[in-house]
Amino acid sequence: MSAVRHIVSFQLKDDVTPEQRQELLTQACAMQTMDGLKDVIKSIAGGEDIGIPHPAGPNATVALMVDFASKEDYELYANHPSHMKVIADCIKPAMVPGTRTAIQMFIPEVNKLQ
């Protein structure tokens, strides 16, 4: 069975404060300790763009990378009420609509860059 890595990124609205950005990342990373998710999230990391422009267009403001032991664990996470609450309460109010990009990919081992 292959592990799964979920990477998601998006832009935040201009009026989002640094404190709100930090709270978003804190709440997102705290999912690893939540009942129903702590057993499926093997690793989670998030961060803000460091501001290096790219000629192809604007970068995302924040990104999260989450590792799971299996596709089934990712699917449980994707629809879990705690995950949906973080999206509804922290991410959607701060996110520029239409800027979310994500990928789920198989990786040979959790918590290891390949």
N, C-alpha and C. Protein backbone atom coordinates (compact mmCIF):
# COMPACT_ATOMS: atom_id res chain seq x y z
N MET A 1 0.85 -1.17 0.00
CA MET A 1 0.00 0.00 0.00
C MET A 1 0.89 1.24 0.00
N SER A 2 0.57 2.21 -0.84
CA SER A 2 1.32 3.46 -0.90
C SER A 2 0.71 4.52 0.00
N ALA A 3 1.57 5.33 0.55
CA ALA A 3 1.12 6.48 1.33
C ALA A 3 0.62 7.55 0.37
N VAL A 4 -0.10 8.53 0.91
CA VAL A 4 -0.67 9.61 0.10
C VAL A 4 -0.23 10.94 0.71
N ARG A 5 0.18 11.85 -0.18
CA ARG A 5 0.49 13.22 0.23
C ARG A 5 -0.53 14.15 -0.41
N HIS A 6 -1.12 15.01 0.40
CA HIS A 6 -2.08 16.03 -0.03
C HIS A 6 -1.39 17.38 0.12
N ILE A 7 -1.32 18.12 -0.97
CA ILE A 7 -0.75 19.47 -0.93
C ILE A 7 -1.83 20.42 -1.41
N VAL A 8 -2.10 21.45 -0.63
CA VAL A 8 -3.12 22.44 -0.99
C VAL A 8 -2.52 23.83 -0.78
N SER A 9 -2.87 24.74 -1.68
CA SER A 9 -2.41 26.12 -1.54
C SER A 9 -3.50 27.06 -2.03
N PHE A 10 -3.44 28.29 -1.56
CA PHE A 10 -4.43 29.29 -1.95
C PHE A 10 -3.93 30.67 -1.58
N GLN A 11 -4.56 31.67 -2.17
CA GLN A 11 -4.25 33.06 -1.84
C GLN A 11 -5.22 33.54 -0.77
N LEU A 12 -4.72 34.41 0.09
CA LEU A 12 -5.57 35.01 1.10
C LEU A 12 -5.95 36.43 0.67
N LYS A 13 -7.10 36.86 1.14
CA LYS A 13 -7.58 38.20 0.84
C LYS A 13 -6.60 39.24 1.39
N ASP A 14 -6.57 40.40 0.76
CA ASP A 14 -5.64 41.46 1.15
C ASP A 14 -5.86 41.95 2.58
N ASP A 15 -7.09 41.87 3.06
CA ASP A 15 -7.38 42.40 4.40
C ASP A 15 -7.16 41.40 5.53
N VAL A 16 -6.64 40.22 5.22
CA VAL A 16 -6.34 39.23 6.25
C VAL A 16 -5.07 39.69 6.99
N THR A 17 -5.18 39.79 8.30
CA THR A 17 -4.06 40.27 9.12
C THR A 17 -3.03 39.16 9.33
N PRO A 18 -1.82 39.54 9.71
CA PRO A 18 -0.81 38.51 10.04
C PRO A 18 -1.29 37.58 11.16
N GLU A 19 -2.03 38.12 12.12
CA GLU A 19 -2.55 37.28 13.20
C GLU A 19 -3.58 36.27 12.67
N GLN A 20 -4.42 36.70 11.73
CA GLN A 20 -5.40 35.79 11.13
C GLN A 20 -4.70 34.71 10.30
N ARG A 21 -3.64 35.08 9.60
CA ARG A 21 -2.86 34.09 8.84
C ARG A 21 -2.29 33.03 9.77
N GLN A 22 -1.71 33.50 10.86
CA GLN A 22 -1.11 32.56 11.81
C GLN A 22 -2.17 31.66 12.43
N GLU A 23 -3.33 32.21 12.76
CA GLU A 23 -4.41 31.41 13.33
C GLU A 23 -4.90 30.36 12.34
N LEU A 24 -4.99 30.72 11.08
CA LEU A 24 -5.39 29.76 10.04
C LEU A 24 -4.41 28.59 10.02
N LEU A 25 -3.12 28.90 9.98
CA LEU A 25 -2.11 27.84 9.94
C LEU A 25 -2.12 27.01 11.24
N THR A 26 -2.31 27.68 12.37
CA THR A 26 -2.36 26.98 13.66
C THR A 26 -3.53 26.01 13.69
N GLN A 27 -4.71 26.47 13.29
CA GLN A 27 -5.90 25.61 13.29
C GLN A 27 -5.76 24.46 12.30
N ALA A 28 -5.20 24.75 11.14
CA ALA A 28 -5.02 23.69 10.14
C ALA A 28 -4.06 22.62 10.67
N CYS A 29 -2.94 23.03 11.23
CA CYS A 29 -1.98 22.07 11.74
C CYS A 29 -2.49 21.34 12.98
N ALA A 30 -3.39 21.97 13.72
CA ALA A 30 -3.96 21.33 14.91
C ALA A 30 -4.87 20.16 14.55
N MET A 31 -5.25 20.02 13.29
CA MET A 31 -6.07 18.87 12.90
C MET A 31 -5.39 17.56 13.24
N GLN A 32 -4.05 17.56 13.29
CA GLN A 32 -3.31 16.34 13.60
C GLN A 32 -3.58 15.85 15.03
N THR A 33 -4.14 16.71 15.87
CA THR A 33 -4.42 16.32 17.26
C THR A 33 -5.91 16.11 17.53
N MET A 34 -6.75 16.30 16.52
CA MET A 34 -8.21 16.22 16.71
C MET A 34 -8.71 14.79 16.66
N ASP A 35 -9.68 14.50 17.51
CA ASP A 35 -10.31 13.19 17.49
C ASP A 35 -10.83 12.88 16.10
N GLY A 36 -10.60 11.67 15.66
CA GLY A 36 -11.05 11.25 14.34
C GLY A 36 -10.07 11.57 13.24
N LEU A 37 -9.13 12.48 13.49
CA LEU A 37 -8.12 12.82 12.49
C LEU A 37 -6.71 12.45 12.95
N LYS A 38 -6.49 12.44 14.26
CA LYS A 38 -5.14 12.19 14.76
C LYS A 38 -4.63 10.80 14.39
N ASP A 39 -5.54 9.87 14.12
CA ASP A 39 -5.11 8.53 13.73
C ASP A 39 -4.84 8.39 12.23
N VAL A 40 -5.32 9.35 11.43
CA VAL A 40 -5.11 9.24 9.97
C VAL A 40 -4.08 10.22 9.44
N ILE A 41 -3.91 11.37 10.10
CA ILE A 41 -2.89 12.32 9.67
C ILE A 41 -1.56 11.88 10.27
N LYS A 42 -0.63 11.53 9.41
CA LYS A 42 0.69 11.08 9.87
C LYS A 42 1.68 12.23 9.99
N SER A 43 1.47 13.26 9.19
CA SER A 43 2.35 14.42 9.22
C SER A 43 1.61 15.59 8.59
N ILE A 44 1.79 16.79 9.14
CA ILE A 44 1.19 17.98 8.55
C ILE A 44 2.15 19.14 8.73
N ALA A 45 2.29 19.95 7.70
CA ALA A 45 3.13 21.15 7.75
C ALA A 45 2.46 22.22 6.93
N GLY A 46 2.59 23.44 7.37
CA GLY A 46 2.02 24.56 6.64
C GLY A 46 2.93 25.76 6.75
N GLY A 47 2.77 26.69 5.80
CA GLY A 47 3.59 27.89 5.84
C GLY A 47 3.11 28.94 4.89
N GLU A 48 3.71 30.12 5.01
CA GLU A 48 3.38 31.26 4.17
C GLU A 48 4.43 31.43 3.07
N ASP A 49 4.00 31.99 1.96
CA ASP A 49 4.89 32.32 0.86
C ASP A 49 5.95 33.31 1.36
N ILE A 50 7.18 33.15 0.89
CA ILE A 50 8.26 34.03 1.34
C ILE A 50 8.45 35.25 0.43
N GLY A 51 7.60 35.37 -0.58
CA GLY A 51 7.56 36.61 -1.35
C GLY A 51 8.47 36.71 -2.56
N ILE A 52 8.95 35.60 -3.06
CA ILE A 52 9.77 35.65 -4.27
C ILE A 52 8.83 35.59 -5.47
N PRO A 53 8.75 36.67 -6.26
CA PRO A 53 7.81 36.67 -7.39
C PRO A 53 8.22 35.67 -8.48
N HIS A 54 7.21 35.24 -9.23
CA HIS A 54 7.45 34.32 -10.33
C HIS A 54 6.83 34.90 -11.59
N PRO A 55 7.52 34.80 -12.73
CA PRO A 55 6.99 35.41 -13.96
C PRO A 55 5.69 34.79 -14.45
N ALA A 56 5.34 33.59 -13.98
CA ALA A 56 4.11 32.94 -14.43
C ALA A 56 2.87 33.50 -13.75
N GLY A 57 3.05 34.31 -12.70
CA GLY A 57 1.90 34.87 -12.02
C GLY A 57 2.08 34.83 -10.52
N PRO A 58 1.05 35.27 -9.81
CA PRO A 58 1.17 35.36 -8.34
C PRO A 58 1.27 33.98 -7.68
N ASN A 59 2.04 33.95 -6.61
CA ASN A 59 2.14 32.74 -5.80
C ASN A 59 0.93 32.63 -4.88
N ALA A 60 0.73 31.44 -4.36
CA ALA A 60 -0.24 31.26 -3.28
C ALA A 60 0.30 31.98 -2.05
N THR A 61 -0.59 32.34 -1.15
CA THR A 61 -0.19 32.99 0.09
C THR A 61 0.23 31.95 1.13
N VAL A 62 -0.52 30.86 1.21
CA VAL A 62 -0.22 29.79 2.16
C VAL A 62 -0.35 28.43 1.48
N ALA A 63 0.33 27.45 2.08
CA ALA A 63 0.25 26.08 1.59
C ALA A 63 0.30 25.13 2.78
N LEU A 64 -0.34 23.98 2.59
CA LEU A 64 -0.31 22.91 3.58
C LEU A 64 0.07 21.62 2.89
N MET A 65 0.83 20.78 3.59
CA MET A 65 1.20 19.46 3.09
C MET A 65 0.83 18.46 4.17
N VAL A 66 0.01 17.47 3.82
CA VAL A 66 -0.48 16.50 4.80
C VAL A 66 -0.21 15.09 4.26
N ASP A 67 0.38 14.24 5.08
CA ASP A 67 0.67 12.86 4.70
C ASP A 67 -0.27 11.90 5.41
N PHE A 68 -0.65 10.87 4.66
CA PHE A 68 -1.54 9.81 5.15
C PHE A 68 -0.95 8.46 4.79
N ALA A 69 -1.27 7.45 5.58
CA ALA A 69 -0.76 6.11 5.31
C ALA A 69 -1.40 5.47 4.09
N SER A 70 -2.61 5.93 3.72
CA SER A 70 -3.33 5.29 2.62
C SER A 70 -4.32 6.27 1.97
N LYS A 71 -4.79 5.89 0.80
CA LYS A 71 -5.82 6.65 0.11
C LYS A 71 -7.10 6.70 0.95
N GLU A 72 -7.41 5.60 1.61
CA GLU A 72 -8.61 5.53 2.44
C GLU A 72 -8.53 6.52 3.61
N ASP A 73 -7.33 6.65 4.19
CA ASP A 73 -7.16 7.62 5.27
C ASP A 73 -7.36 9.04 4.76
N TYR A 74 -6.84 9.34 3.57
CA TYR A 74 -7.06 10.67 2.98
C TYR A 74 -8.55 10.91 2.77
N GLU A 75 -9.25 9.93 2.24
CA GLU A 75 -10.68 10.09 1.97
C GLU A 75 -11.47 10.32 3.26
N LEU A 76 -11.07 9.65 4.34
CA LEU A 76 -11.73 9.88 5.63
C LEU A 76 -11.51 11.32 6.08
N TYR A 77 -10.28 11.79 5.97
CA TYR A 77 -9.92 13.16 6.33
C TYR A 77 -10.68 14.18 5.48
N ALA A 78 -10.74 13.95 4.18
CA ALA A 78 -11.31 14.92 3.25
C ALA A 78 -12.74 15.29 3.61
N ASN A 79 -13.50 14.33 4.13
CA ASN A 79 -14.91 14.58 4.45
C ASN A 79 -15.20 14.63 5.95
N HIS A 80 -14.16 14.60 6.76
CA HIS A 80 -14.34 14.58 8.21
C HIS A 80 -14.91 15.91 8.71
N PRO A 81 -15.86 15.89 9.64
CA PRO A 81 -16.46 17.13 10.14
C PRO A 81 -15.45 18.13 10.72
N SER A 82 -14.41 17.65 11.38
CA SER A 82 -13.40 18.57 11.93
C SER A 82 -12.64 19.29 10.82
N HIS A 83 -12.33 18.59 9.76
CA HIS A 83 -11.68 19.18 8.59
C HIS A 83 -12.61 20.20 7.94
N MET A 84 -13.87 19.82 7.78
CA MET A 84 -14.86 20.72 7.17
C MET A 84 -15.02 22.00 8.02
N LYS A 85 -14.93 21.86 9.35
CA LYS A 85 -15.06 23.02 10.25
C LYS A 85 -13.87 23.97 10.08
N VAL A 86 -12.66 23.44 9.97
CA VAL A 86 -11.49 24.29 9.74
C VAL A 86 -11.63 25.04 8.41
N ILE A 87 -12.10 24.35 7.40
CA ILE A 87 -12.32 25.00 6.10
C ILE A 87 -13.36 26.11 6.23
N ALA A 88 -14.50 25.79 6.84
CA ALA A 88 -15.60 26.76 6.94
C ALA A 88 -15.26 27.94 7.85
N ASP A 89 -14.60 27.68 8.97
CA ASP A 89 -14.36 28.73 9.96
C ASP A 89 -13.08 29.53 9.72
N CYS A 90 -12.05 28.89 9.19
CA CYS A 90 -10.74 29.55 9.08
C CYS A 90 -10.30 29.83 7.65
N ILE A 91 -10.52 28.88 6.77
CA ILE A 91 -9.95 29.00 5.43
C ILE A 91 -10.86 29.79 4.49
N LYS A 92 -12.09 29.36 4.32
CA LYS A 92 -12.97 30.04 3.35
C LYS A 92 -13.16 31.53 3.61
N PRO A 93 -13.33 31.97 4.87
CA PRO A 93 -13.51 33.41 5.09
C PRO A 93 -12.28 34.23 4.69
N ALA A 94 -11.10 33.61 4.72
CA ALA A 94 -9.86 34.33 4.44
C ALA A 94 -9.36 34.16 3.00
N MET A 95 -9.85 33.14 2.30
CA MET A 95 -9.34 32.76 0.99
C MET A 95 -9.96 33.59 -0.13
N VAL A 96 -9.14 33.95 -1.09
CA VAL A 96 -9.65 34.56 -2.32
C VAL A 96 -10.36 33.45 -3.10
N PRO A 97 -11.65 33.61 -3.39
CA PRO A 97 -12.37 32.56 -4.11
C PRO A 97 -11.69 32.20 -5.44
N GLY A 98 -11.65 30.91 -5.72
CA GLY A 98 -11.10 30.43 -6.98
C GLY A 98 -9.59 30.26 -7.01
N THR A 99 -8.90 30.51 -5.87
CA THR A 99 -7.44 30.41 -5.88
C THR A 99 -6.91 29.09 -5.33
N ARG A 100 -7.78 28.24 -4.83
CA ARG A 100 -7.33 26.98 -4.25
C ARG A 100 -6.82 26.05 -5.35
N THR A 101 -5.65 25.48 -5.11
CA THR A 101 -5.14 24.40 -5.95
C THR A 101 -4.71 23.28 -5.02
N ALA A 102 -4.86 22.05 -5.47
CA ALA A 102 -4.48 20.92 -4.62
C ALA A 102 -4.08 19.74 -5.49
N ILE A 103 -3.33 18.85 -4.88
CA ILE A 103 -2.99 17.58 -5.51
C ILE A 103 -2.90 16.52 -4.41
N GLN A 104 -3.32 15.33 -4.73
CA GLN A 104 -3.13 14.16 -3.88
C GLN A 104 -2.28 13.21 -4.71
N MET A 105 -1.18 12.76 -4.14
CA MET A 105 -0.29 11.88 -4.91
C MET A 105 0.23 10.76 -4.02
N PHE A 106 0.52 9.65 -4.66
CA PHE A 106 1.12 8.54 -3.93
C PHE A 106 2.59 8.85 -3.67
N ILE A 107 3.03 8.48 -2.48
CA ILE A 107 4.44 8.62 -2.10
C ILE A 107 4.89 7.30 -1.47
N PRO A 108 6.18 6.99 -1.55
CA PRO A 108 6.61 5.70 -1.00
C PRO A 108 6.58 5.63 0.52
N GLU A 109 6.69 6.80 1.19
CA GLU A 109 6.81 6.78 2.64
C GLU A 109 6.32 8.11 3.19
N VAL A 110 5.56 8.08 4.30
CA VAL A 110 5.09 9.32 4.89
C VAL A 110 6.23 10.10 5.52
N ASN A 111 6.04 11.42 5.54
CA ASN A 111 6.98 12.33 6.21
C ASN A 111 8.39 12.27 5.65
N LYS A 112 8.51 11.97 4.36
CA LYS A 112 9.82 11.93 3.73
C LYS A 112 9.72 12.56 2.35
N LEU A 113 10.55 13.55 2.11
CA LEU A 113 10.56 14.17 0.79
C LEU A 113 11.27 13.26 -0.18
N GLN A 114 10.71 13.15 -1.37
CA GLN A 114 11.31 12.28 -2.40
C GLN A 114 11.78 13.11 -3.56
